[in-house]
Amino acid sequence: MGDIIIWLIIGLVAGGVASLIVPGRTPGGTIGAIVIGILGALLGGWLVRDVLEIGGDGGGIIGSIIVAIIGAVIILFVMREMAKRT
């Protein structure tokens, strides 16, 4: 149960920061920011671990938040670009 709460907090922080970095409206408000942050953490973790092949302890909670923010920014940017085209 504690891990889920940590994921939600990281998702909220990452989604909120990503919303500030990428201009425009975040779909779904606060819940949308949390979901985008969690998905960003998954995407960022995959990029760092598998694509860039960066190992180690992951940088702890700060490293997790930074990776989640990077992933969330990528997701938000793609979502907003797709919304512009429709």
Protein backbone atom coordinates (compact mmCIF):
# COMPACT_ATOMS: atom_id res chain seq x y z
CA MET A 1 0.00 0.00 0.00
CA GLY A 2 2.89 2.35 0.77
CA ASP A 3 4.34 1.90 -2.72
CA ILE A 4 1.08 2.97 -4.33
CA ILE A 5 1.04 6.15 -2.27
CA ILE A 6 4.66 6.88 -3.26
CA TRP A 7 3.78 6.33 -6.96
CA LEU A 8 0.82 8.72 -6.64
CA ILE A 9 2.98 11.38 -4.99
CA ILE A 10 5.72 11.02 -7.62
CA GLY A 11 3.04 11.09 -10.34
CA LEU A 12 1.47 14.22 -8.91
CA VAL A 13 4.81 16.02 -8.63
CA ALA A 14 6.01 14.88 -12.08
CA GLY A 15 2.69 15.66 -13.78
CA GLY A 16 2.47 19.05 -12.11
CA VAL A 17 6.00 20.05 -13.06
CA ALA A 18 5.54 18.73 -16.61
CA SER A 19 2.34 20.79 -16.90
CA LEU A 20 4.35 23.88 -16.00
CA ILE A 21 7.13 23.06 -18.46
CA VAL A 22 4.97 22.21 -21.48
CA PRO A 23 2.67 25.13 -22.34
CA GLY A 24 -1.05 24.51 -22.68
CA ARG A 25 -3.86 22.85 -20.76
CA THR A 26 -3.38 19.49 -19.05
CA PRO A 27 -6.20 17.10 -19.96
CA GLY A 28 -8.07 15.78 -16.94
CA GLY A 29 -6.91 18.38 -14.40
CA THR A 30 -5.21 17.05 -11.27
CA ILE A 31 -6.14 13.42 -11.92
CA GLY A 32 -4.88 13.75 -15.49
CA ALA A 33 -1.60 15.22 -14.20
CA ILE A 34 -1.18 12.27 -11.82
CA VAL A 35 -1.86 9.76 -14.58
CA ILE A 36 0.49 11.54 -16.98
CA GLY A 37 3.12 11.67 -14.23
CA ILE A 38 2.82 7.93 -13.53
CA LEU A 39 2.93 7.11 -17.24
CA GLY A 40 5.87 9.49 -17.52
CA ALA A 41 7.65 7.59 -14.77
CA LEU A 42 7.14 4.36 -16.69
CA LEU A 43 8.31 5.92 -19.96
CA GLY A 44 11.25 7.70 -18.33
CA GLY A 45 12.30 4.57 -16.46
CA TRP A 46 12.21 2.56 -19.65
CA LEU A 47 14.22 5.20 -21.53
CA VAL A 48 16.88 5.47 -18.83
CA ARG A 49 17.19 1.75 -18.12
CA ASP A 50 16.69 0.08 -21.50
CA VAL A 51 17.37 2.67 -24.19
CA LEU A 52 20.19 4.67 -22.60
CA GLU A 53 21.37 1.66 -20.56
CA ILE A 54 22.06 3.73 -17.45
CA GLY A 55 22.20 1.42 -14.45
CA GLY A 56 22.85 2.00 -10.77
CA ASP A 57 20.53 2.59 -7.88
CA GLY A 58 18.29 4.94 -9.85
CA GLY A 59 19.18 8.06 -7.86
CA GLY A 60 16.65 7.46 -5.09
CA ILE A 61 13.44 9.45 -4.83
CA ILE A 62 14.92 12.57 -6.47
CA GLY A 63 16.20 10.53 -9.41
CA SER A 64 12.78 8.90 -9.74
CA ILE A 65 11.05 12.28 -9.80
CA ILE A 66 13.46 13.67 -12.40
CA VAL A 67 13.03 10.63 -14.64
CA ALA A 68 9.24 10.81 -14.20
CA ILE A 69 9.24 14.52 -15.11
CA ILE A 70 11.24 13.84 -18.28
CA GLY A 71 8.83 11.08 -19.29
CA ALA A 72 5.78 13.20 -18.44
CA VAL A 73 7.11 16.13 -20.49
CA ILE A 74 7.53 13.82 -23.48
CA ILE A 75 4.00 12.45 -23.09
CA LEU A 76 2.44 15.90 -22.65
CA PHE A 77 4.32 17.30 -25.63
CA VAL A 78 3.16 14.42 -27.85
CA MET A 79 -0.44 14.70 -26.58
CA ARG A 80 -0.58 18.43 -27.23
CA GLU A 81 0.96 18.13 -30.67
CA MET A 82 -1.58 15.44 -31.58
CA ALA A 83 -4.42 17.63 -30.29
CA LYS A 84 -3.24 20.53 -32.49
CA ARG A 85 -3.46 18.34 -35.59
CA THR A 86 -7.06 17.23 -35.05
